[in-house]
Amino acid sequence: MFKISVKMLLPSFTNFQVQEELLSAKSNYEALNSHLLDELPTLNSLAYEVLLECLAAFVMARKMLSGKITREYLVLMEVQSFNSN
C-alpha cells in the first residue's frame, strides 16, 4: 500500500522563503489598508449624500400619501354628510 504524507504534498519552503512571503503579504496588506483609509472619508461623504436623498424621497412620499389619504377622507366625510341630510 502506498501512503501519501503531507510533506509530499506541500512544497518544501525554507525559512527564508516563508519570511519573504510573510513580508510580502504584510506590505500588501499595509498598502491596501492605507489606500482604503485614504478613501474612507470620500465613502462616508457619498454615503451621507445618498442617505439624505433617500430621506428626502421618503419624506416626500409620506407627504404625498398623507395628502391622498386626507383627500379620500374628505370625500368620505362629504358622502357621509350627504347621506345624513
PDB file of N, CA and C in Angstrom:
ATOM      1  N   MET A   1       0.840  -1.159   0.000  1.00  0.00           N
ATOM      2  CA  MET A   1       0.000   0.000   0.000  1.00  0.00           C
ATOM      3  C   MET A   1       0.899   1.241   0.000  1.00  0.00           C
ATOM      4  N   PHE A   2       0.485   2.248  -0.773  1.00  0.00           N
ATOM      5  CA  PHE A   2       1.279   3.469  -0.904  1.00  0.00           C
ATOM      6  C   PHE A   2       0.653   4.554  -0.042  1.00  0.00           C
ATOM      7  N   LYS A   3       1.425   5.103   0.896  1.00  0.00           N
ATOM      8  CA  LYS A   3       0.924   6.160   1.763  1.00  0.00           C
ATOM      9  C   LYS A   3       1.463   7.506   1.280  1.00  0.00           C
ATOM     10  N   ILE A   4       0.573   8.494   1.269  1.00  0.00           N
ATOM     11  CA  ILE A   4       0.980   9.853   0.888  1.00  0.00           C
ATOM     12  C   ILE A   4       1.056  10.675   2.164  1.00  0.00           C
ATOM     13  N   SER A   5       2.190  11.244   2.394  1.00  0.00           N
ATOM     14  CA  SER A   5       2.329  12.082   3.582  1.00  0.00           C
ATOM     15  C   SER A   5       2.075  13.541   3.199  1.00  0.00           C
ATOM     16  N   VAL A   6       1.782  14.334   4.208  1.00  0.00           N
ATOM     17  CA  VAL A   6       1.546  15.761   3.995  1.00  0.00           C
ATOM     18  C   VAL A   6       2.795  16.427   3.442  1.00  0.00           C
ATOM     19  N   LYS A   7       3.950  15.985   3.875  1.00  0.00           N
ATOM     20  CA  LYS A   7       5.204  16.572   3.409  1.00  0.00           C
ATOM     21  C   LYS A   7       5.387  16.370   1.916  1.00  0.00           C
ATOM     22  N   MET A   8       4.856  15.304   1.391  1.00  0.00           N
ATOM     23  CA  MET A   8       4.984  15.047  -0.041  1.00  0.00           C
ATOM     24  C   MET A   8       4.096  15.991  -0.851  1.00  0.00           C
ATOM     25  N   LEU A   9       2.967  16.404  -0.274  1.00  0.00           N
ATOM     26  CA  LEU A   9       2.028  17.262  -0.989  1.00  0.00           C
ATOM     27  C   LEU A   9       2.422  18.731  -0.933  1.00  0.00           C
ATOM     28  N   LEU A  10       3.027  19.132   0.167  1.00  0.00           N
ATOM     29  CA  LEU A  10       3.402  20.526   0.325  1.00  0.00           C
ATOM     30  C   LEU A  10       4.772  20.790  -0.273  1.00  0.00           C
ATOM     31  N   PRO A  11       4.909  21.941  -0.930  1.00  0.00           N
ATOM     32  CA  PRO A  11       6.243  22.279  -1.437  1.00  0.00           C
ATOM     33  C   PRO A  11       7.184  22.533  -0.261  1.00  0.00           C
ATOM     34  N   SER A  12       8.419  22.260  -0.481  1.00  0.00           N
ATOM     35  CA  SER A  12       9.369  22.472   0.610  1.00  0.00           C
ATOM     36  C   SER A  12       9.850  23.921   0.585  1.00  0.00           C
ATOM     37  N   PHE A  13       9.476  24.627   1.619  1.00  0.00           N
ATOM     38  CA  PHE A  13       9.865  26.019   1.755  1.00  0.00           C
ATOM     39  C   PHE A  13      10.979  26.111   2.779  1.00  0.00           C
ATOM     40  N   THR A  14      11.885  27.012   2.519  1.00  0.00           N
ATOM     41  CA  THR A  14      12.914  27.283   3.518  1.00  0.00           C
ATOM     42  C   THR A  14      12.380  28.364   4.439  1.00  0.00           C
ATOM     43  N   ASN A  15      13.006  28.518   5.544  1.00  0.00           N
ATOM     44  CA  ASN A  15      12.617  29.553   6.495  1.00  0.00           C
ATOM     45  C   ASN A  15      12.706  30.926   5.838  1.00  0.00           C
ATOM     46  N   PHE A  16      13.707  31.136   5.024  1.00  0.00           N
ATOM     47  CA  PHE A  16      13.879  32.408   4.327  1.00  0.00           C
ATOM     48  C   PHE A  16      12.714  32.666   3.382  1.00  0.00           C
ATOM     49  N   GLN A  17      12.265  31.649   2.658  1.00  0.00           N
ATOM     50  CA  GLN A  17      11.148  31.817   1.722  1.00  0.00           C
ATOM     51  C   GLN A  17       9.855  32.148   2.464  1.00  0.00           C
ATOM     52  N   VAL A  18       9.665  31.522   3.603  1.00  0.00           N
ATOM     53  CA  VAL A  18       8.473  31.789   4.401  1.00  0.00           C
ATOM     54  C   VAL A  18       8.504  33.226   4.908  1.00  0.00           C
ATOM     55  N   GLN A  19       9.650  33.655   5.422  1.00  0.00           N
ATOM     56  CA  GLN A  19       9.773  35.023   5.915  1.00  0.00           C
ATOM     57  C   GLN A  19       9.560  36.030   4.781  1.00  0.00           C
ATOM     58  N   GLU A  20      10.088  35.736   3.620  1.00  0.00           N
ATOM     59  CA  GLU A  20       9.930  36.621   2.470  1.00  0.00           C
ATOM     60  C   GLU A  20       8.452  36.716   2.056  1.00  0.00           C
ATOM     61  N   GLU A  21       7.780  35.586   2.081  1.00  0.00           N
ATOM     62  CA  GLU A  21       6.352  35.564   1.737  1.00  0.00           C
ATOM     63  C   GLU A  21       5.533  36.341   2.770  1.00  0.00           C
ATOM     64  N   LEU A  22       5.877  36.195   4.035  1.00  0.00           N
ATOM     65  CA  LEU A  22       5.183  36.931   5.088  1.00  0.00           C
ATOM     66  C   LEU A  22       5.396  38.433   4.950  1.00  0.00           C
ATOM     67  N   LEU A  23       6.623  38.843   4.661  1.00  0.00           N
ATOM     68  CA  LEU A  23       6.908  40.269   4.472  1.00  0.00           C
ATOM     69  C   LEU A  23       6.146  40.824   3.273  1.00  0.00           C
ATOM     70  N   SER A  24       6.078  40.046   2.210  1.00  0.00           N
ATOM     71  CA  SER A  24       5.330  40.472   1.032  1.00  0.00           C
ATOM     72  C   SER A  24       3.847  40.624   1.347  1.00  0.00           C
ATOM     73  N   ALA A  25       3.294  39.656   2.060  1.00  0.00           N
ATOM     74  CA  ALA A  25       1.884  39.720   2.436  1.00  0.00           C
ATOM     75  C   ALA A  25       1.623  40.905   3.358  1.00  0.00           C
ATOM     76  N   LYS A  26       2.538  41.154   4.289  1.00  0.00           N
ATOM     77  CA  LYS A  26       2.385  42.268   5.220  1.00  0.00           C
ATOM     78  C   LYS A  26       2.430  43.597   4.482  1.00  0.00           C
ATOM     79  N   SER A  27       3.360  43.752   3.554  1.00  0.00           N
ATOM     80  CA  SER A  27       3.444  45.026   2.826  1.00  0.00           C
ATOM     81  C   SER A  27       2.225  45.231   1.923  1.00  0.00           C
ATOM     82  N   ASN A  28       1.723  44.147   1.324  1.00  0.00           N
ATOM     83  CA  ASN A  28       0.497  44.262   0.526  1.00  0.00           C
ATOM     84  C   ASN A  28      -0.680  44.678   1.388  1.00  0.00           C
ATOM     85  N   TYR A  29      -0.801  44.059   2.548  1.00  0.00           N
ATOM     86  CA  TYR A  29      -1.884  44.388   3.469  1.00  0.00           C
ATOM     87  C   TYR A  29      -1.790  45.850   3.893  1.00  0.00           C
ATOM     88  N   GLU A  30      -0.597  46.297   4.269  1.00  0.00           N
ATOM     89  CA  GLU A  30      -0.432  47.678   4.725  1.00  0.00           C
ATOM     90  C   GLU A  30      -0.727  48.674   3.614  1.00  0.00           C
ATOM     91  N   ALA A  31      -0.325  48.363   2.389  1.00  0.00           N
ATOM     92  CA  ALA A  31      -0.605  49.261   1.262  1.00  0.00           C
ATOM     93  C   ALA A  31      -2.109  49.343   0.995  1.00  0.00           C
ATOM     94  N   LEU A  32      -2.769  48.193   0.978  1.00  0.00           N
ATOM     95  CA  LEU A  32      -4.215  48.189   0.752  1.00  0.00           C
ATOM     96  C   LEU A  32      -4.956  48.889   1.888  1.00  0.00           C
ATOM     97  N   ASN A  33      -4.529  48.631   3.109  1.00  0.00           N
ATOM     98  CA  ASN A  33      -5.164  49.261   4.265  1.00  0.00           C
ATOM     99  C   ASN A  33      -5.007  50.777   4.208  1.00  0.00           C
ATOM    100  N   SER A  34      -3.832  51.239   3.863  1.00  0.00           N
ATOM    101  CA  SER A  34      -3.585  52.673   3.752  1.00  0.00           C
ATOM    102  C   SER A  34      -4.454  53.290   2.668  1.00  0.00           C
ATOM    103  N   HIS A  35      -4.545  52.615   1.540  1.00  0.00           N
ATOM    104  CA  HIS A  35      -5.370  53.102   0.434  1.00  0.00           C
ATOM    105  C   HIS A  35      -6.840  53.183   0.855  1.00  0.00           C
ATOM    106  N   LEU A  36      -7.325  52.169   1.541  1.00  0.00           N
ATOM    107  CA  LEU A  36      -8.715  52.170   1.994  1.00  0.00           C
ATOM    108  C   LEU A  36      -8.966  53.265   3.028  1.00  0.00           C
ATOM    109  N   LEU A  37      -8.019  53.473   3.915  1.00  0.00           N
ATOM    110  CA  LEU A  37      -8.174  54.535   4.909  1.00  0.00           C
ATOM    111  C   LEU A  37      -8.192  55.909   4.256  1.00  0.00           C
ATOM    112  N   ASP A  38      -7.425  56.089   3.177  1.00  0.00           N
ATOM    113  CA  ASP A  38      -7.435  57.361   2.453  1.00  0.00           C
ATOM    114  C   ASP A  38      -8.782  57.603   1.784  1.00  0.00           C
ATOM    115  N   GLU A  39      -9.419  56.537   1.312  1.00  0.00           N
ATOM    116  CA  GLU A  39     -10.692  56.674   0.605  1.00  0.00           C
ATOM    117  C   GLU A  39     -11.904  56.681   1.541  1.00  0.00           C
ATOM    118  N   LEU A  40     -11.717  56.368   2.791  1.00  0.00           N
ATOM    119  CA  LEU A  40     -12.834  56.275   3.724  1.00  0.00           C
ATOM    120  C   LEU A  40     -13.620  57.587   3.873  1.00  0.00           C
ATOM    121  N   PRO A  41     -12.978  58.754   4.001  1.00  0.00           N
ATOM    122  CA  PRO A  41     -13.757  59.990   4.102  1.00  0.00           C
ATOM    123  C   PRO A  41     -14.634  60.235   2.863  1.00  0.00           C
ATOM    124  N   THR A  42     -14.122  59.906   1.690  1.00  0.00           N
ATOM    125  CA  THR A  42     -14.920  60.065   0.468  1.00  0.00           C
ATOM    126  C   THR A  42     -16.131  59.145   0.503  1.00  0.00           C
ATOM    127  N   LEU A  43     -15.915  57.915   0.900  1.00  0.00           N
ATOM    128  CA  LEU A  43     -17.017  56.962   1.010  1.00  0.00           C
ATOM    129  C   LEU A  43     -18.063  57.459   2.006  1.00  0.00           C
ATOM    130  N   ASN A  44     -17.614  57.975   3.145  1.00  0.00           N
ATOM    131  CA  ASN A  44     -18.541  58.470   4.160  1.00  0.00           C
ATOM    132  C   ASN A  44     -19.362  59.640   3.637  1.00  0.00           C
ATOM    133  N   SER A  45     -18.736  60.579   2.947  1.00  0.00           N
ATOM    134  CA  SER A  45     -19.484  61.738   2.454  1.00  0.00           C
ATOM    135  C   SER A  45     -20.471  61.337   1.366  1.00  0.00           C
ATOM    136  N   LEU A  46     -20.085  60.408   0.491  1.00  0.00           N
ATOM    137  CA  LEU A  46     -21.012  59.946  -0.545  1.00  0.00           C
ATOM    138  C   LEU A  46     -22.177  59.168   0.071  1.00  0.00           C
ATOM    139  N   ALA A  47     -21.884  58.363   1.055  1.00  0.00           N
ATOM    140  CA  ALA A  47     -22.951  57.612   1.731  1.00  0.00           C
ATOM    141  C   ALA A  47     -23.906  58.562   2.447  1.00  0.00           C
ATOM    142  N   TYR A  48     -23.375  59.632   3.017  1.00  0.00           N
ATOM    143  CA  TYR A  48     -24.207  60.635   3.689  1.00  0.00           C
ATOM    144  C   TYR A  48     -25.139  61.311   2.690  1.00  0.00           C
ATOM    145  N   GLU A  49     -24.605  61.646   1.512  1.00  0.00           N
ATOM    146  CA  GLU A  49     -25.431  62.275   0.470  1.00  0.00           C
ATOM    147  C   GLU A  49     -26.543  61.334   0.016  1.00  0.00           C
ATOM    148  N   VAL A  50     -26.221  60.070  -0.160  1.00  0.00           N
ATOM    149  CA  VAL A  50     -27.234  59.088  -0.565  1.00  0.00           C
ATOM    150  C   VAL A  50     -28.299  58.968   0.517  1.00  0.00           C
ATOM    151  N   LEU A  51     -27.882  58.932   1.766  1.00  0.00           N
ATOM    152  CA  LEU A  51     -28.827  58.843   2.875  1.00  0.00           C
ATOM    153  C   LEU A  51     -29.768  60.049   2.894  1.00  0.00           C
ATOM    154  N   LEU A  52     -29.212  61.251   2.694  1.00  0.00           N
ATOM    155  CA  LEU A  52     -30.052  62.448   2.686  1.00  0.00           C
ATOM    156  C   LEU A  52     -31.060  62.405   1.546  1.00  0.00           C
ATOM    157  N   GLU A  53     -30.633  61.962   0.369  1.00  0.00           N
ATOM    158  CA  GLU A  53     -31.560  61.869  -0.757  1.00  0.00           C
ATOM    159  C   GLU A  53     -32.649  60.838  -0.498  1.00  0.00           C
ATOM    160  N   CYS A  54     -32.286  59.732   0.114  1.00  0.00           N
ATOM    161  CA  CYS A  54     -33.283  58.713   0.456  1.00  0.00           C
ATOM    162  C   CYS A  54     -34.287  59.250   1.469  1.00  0.00           C
ATOM    163  N   LEU A  55     -33.796  59.959   2.468  1.00  0.00           N
ATOM    164  CA  LEU A  55     -34.697  60.533   3.468  1.00  0.00           C
ATOM    165  C   LEU A  55     -35.618  61.573   2.844  1.00  0.00           C
ATOM    166  N   ALA A  56     -35.085  62.409   1.951  1.00  0.00           N
ATOM    167  CA  ALA A  56     -35.912  63.412   1.287  1.00  0.00           C
ATOM    168  C   ALA A  56     -36.993  62.742   0.440  1.00  0.00           C
ATOM    169  N   ALA A  57     -36.637  61.677  -0.273  1.00  0.00           N
ATOM    170  CA  ALA A  57     -37.615  60.949  -1.078  1.00  0.00           C
ATOM    171  C   ALA A  57     -38.673  60.306  -0.184  1.00  0.00           C
ATOM    172  N   PHE A  58     -38.256  59.764   0.943  1.00  0.00           N
ATOM    173  CA  PHE A  58     -39.206  59.156   1.875  1.00  0.00           C
ATOM    174  C   PHE A  58     -40.169  60.196   2.429  1.00  0.00           C
ATOM    175  N   VAL A  59     -39.642  61.350   2.824  1.00  0.00           N
ATOM    176  CA  VAL A  59     -40.490  62.410   3.378  1.00  0.00           C
ATOM    177  C   VAL A  59     -41.488  62.889   2.324  1.00  0.00           C
ATOM    178  N   MET A  60     -41.032  63.050   1.081  1.00  0.00           N
ATOM    179  CA  MET A  60     -41.929  63.492   0.016  1.00  0.00           C
ATOM    180  C   MET A  60     -43.007  62.434  -0.245  1.00  0.00           C
ATOM    181  N   ALA A  61     -42.637  61.175  -0.270  1.00  0.00           N
ATOM    182  CA  ALA A  61     -43.615  60.100  -0.489  1.00  0.00           C
ATOM    183  C   ALA A  61     -44.624  60.058   0.655  1.00  0.00           C
ATOM    184  N   ARG A  62     -44.147  60.242   1.856  1.00  0.00           N
ATOM    185  CA  ARG A  62     -45.039  60.248   3.028  1.00  0.00           C
ATOM    186  C   ARG A  62     -46.002  61.430   2.960  1.00  0.00           C
ATOM    187  N   LYS A  63     -45.484  62.572   2.532  1.00  0.00           N
ATOM    188  CA  LYS A  63     -46.322  63.778   2.407  1.00  0.00           C
ATOM    189  C   LYS A  63     -47.401  63.566   1.341  1.00  0.00           C
ATOM    190  N   MET A  64     -47.020  62.970   0.217  1.00  0.00           N
ATOM    191  CA  MET A  64     -47.989  62.704  -0.840  1.00  0.00           C
ATOM    192  C   MET A  64     -49.039  61.693  -0.381  1.00  0.00           C
ATOM    193  N   LEU A  65     -48.612  60.659   0.329  1.00  0.00           N
ATOM    194  CA  LEU A  65     -49.547  59.669   0.846  1.00  0.00           C
ATOM    195  C   LEU A  65     -50.520  60.313   1.829  1.00  0.00           C
ATOM    196  N   SER A  66     -50.008  61.167   2.688  1.00  0.00           N
ATOM    197  CA  SER A  66     -50.877  61.854   3.651  1.00  0.00           C
ATOM    198  C   SER A  66     -51.896  62.724   2.926  1.00  0.00           C
ATOM    199  N   GLY A  67     -51.465  63.394   1.866  1.00  0.00           N
ATOM    200  CA  GLY A  67     -52.390  64.224   1.075  1.00  0.00           C
ATOM    201  C   GLY A  67     -53.471  63.382   0.424  1.00  0.00           C
ATOM    202  N   LYS A  68     -53.098  62.246  -0.146  1.00  0.00           N
ATOM    203  CA  LYS A  68     -54.086  61.370  -0.779  1.00  0.00           C
ATOM    204  C   LYS A  68     -55.073  60.829   0.250  1.00  0.00           C
ATOM    205  N   ILE A  69     -54.562  60.442   1.415  1.00  0.00           N
ATOM    206  CA  ILE A  69     -55.432  59.929   2.476  1.00  0.00           C
ATOM    207  C   ILE A  69     -56.395  61.024   2.935  1.00  0.00           C
ATOM    208  N   THR A  70     -55.879  62.246   3.077  1.00  0.00           N
ATOM    209  CA  THR A  70     -56.718  63.365   3.503  1.00  0.00           C
ATOM    210  C   THR A  70     -57.814  63.634   2.476  1.00  0.00           C
ATOM    211  N   ARG A  71     -57.463  63.610   1.189  1.00  0.00           N
ATOM    212  CA  ARG A  71     -58.472  63.830   0.148  1.00  0.00           C
ATOM    213  C   ARG A  71     -59.544  62.748   0.189  1.00  0.00           C
ATOM    214  N   GLU A  72     -59.127  61.499   0.344  1.00  0.00           N
ATOM    215  CA  GLU A  72     -60.097  60.396   0.436  1.00  0.00           C
ATOM    216  C   GLU A  72     -60.990  60.553   1.677  1.00  0.00           C
ATOM    217  N   TYR A  73     -60.391  60.980   2.757  1.00  0.00           N
ATOM    218  CA  TYR A  73     -61.152  61.179   3.989  1.00  0.00           C
ATOM    219  C   TYR A  73     -62.183  62.285   3.796  1.00  0.00           C
ATOM    220  N   LEU A  74     -61.803  63.369   3.137  1.00  0.00           N
ATOM    221  CA  LEU A  74     -62.742  64.469   2.885  1.00  0.00           C
ATOM    222  C   LEU A  74     -63.890  64.013   1.993  1.00  0.00           C
ATOM    223  N   VAL A  75     -63.568  63.184   0.987  1.00  0.00           N
ATOM    224  CA  VAL A  75     -64.618  62.648   0.112  1.00  0.00           C
ATOM    225  C   VAL A  75     -65.582  61.791   0.941  1.00  0.00           C
ATOM    226  N   LEU A  76     -65.034  60.940   1.796  1.00  0.00           N
ATOM    227  CA  LEU A  76     -65.891  60.108   2.644  1.00  0.00           C
ATOM    228  C   LEU A  76     -66.746  60.953   3.577  1.00  0.00           C
ATOM    229  N   MET A  77     -66.170  62.020   4.108  1.00  0.00           N
ATOM    230  CA  MET A  77     -66.931  62.899   5.004  1.00  0.00           C
ATOM    231  C   MET A  77     -68.069  63.582   4.250  1.00  0.00           C
ATOM    232  N   GLU A  78     -67.828  63.970   2.978  1.00  0.00           N
ATOM    233  CA  GLU A  78     -68.873  64.592   2.176  1.00  0.00           C
ATOM    234  C   GLU A  78     -69.983  63.596   1.883  1.00  0.00           C
ATOM    235  N   VAL A  79     -69.619  62.368   1.555  1.00  0.00           N
ATOM    236  CA  VAL A  79     -70.617  61.341   1.279  1.00  0.00           C
ATOM    237  C   VAL A  79     -71.431  61.044   2.531  1.00  0.00           C
ATOM    238  N   GLN A  80     -70.769  60.961   3.671  1.00  0.00           N
ATOM    239  CA  GLN A  80     -71.461  60.678   4.927  1.00  0.00           C
ATOM    240  C   GLN A  80     -72.388  61.835   5.271  1.00  0.00           C
ATOM    241  N   SER A  81     -71.939  63.070   5.063  1.00  0.00           N
ATOM    242  CA  SER A  81     -72.757  64.220   5.376  1.00  0.00           C
ATOM    243  C   SER A  81     -73.930  64.312   4.401  1.00  0.00           C
ATOM    244  N   PHE A  82     -73.747  63.919   3.138  1.00  0.00           N
ATOM    245  CA  PHE A  82     -74.820  63.937   2.157  1.00  0.00           C
ATOM    246  C   PHE A  82     -75.864  62.870   2.498  1.00  0.00           C
ATOM    247  N   ASN A  83     -75.406  61.716   2.977  1.00  0.00           N
ATOM    248  CA  ASN A  83     -76.337  60.631   3.341  1.00  0.00           C
ATOM    249  C   ASN A  83     -77.117  60.973   4.601  1.00  0.00           C
ATOM    250  N   SER A  84     -76.559  61.743   5.503  1.00  0.00           N
ATOM    251  CA  SER A  84     -77.244  62.048   6.753  1.00  0.00           C
ATOM    252  C   SER A  84     -78.283  63.144   6.576  1.00  0.00           C
ATOM    253  N   ASN A  85     -78.217  63.926   5.498  1.00  0.00           N
ATOM    254  CA  ASN A  85     -79.211  65.004   5.268  1.00  0.00           C
ATOM    255  C   ASN A  85     -80.434  64.462   4.703  1.00  0.00           C
TER     256      ASN A  85
END
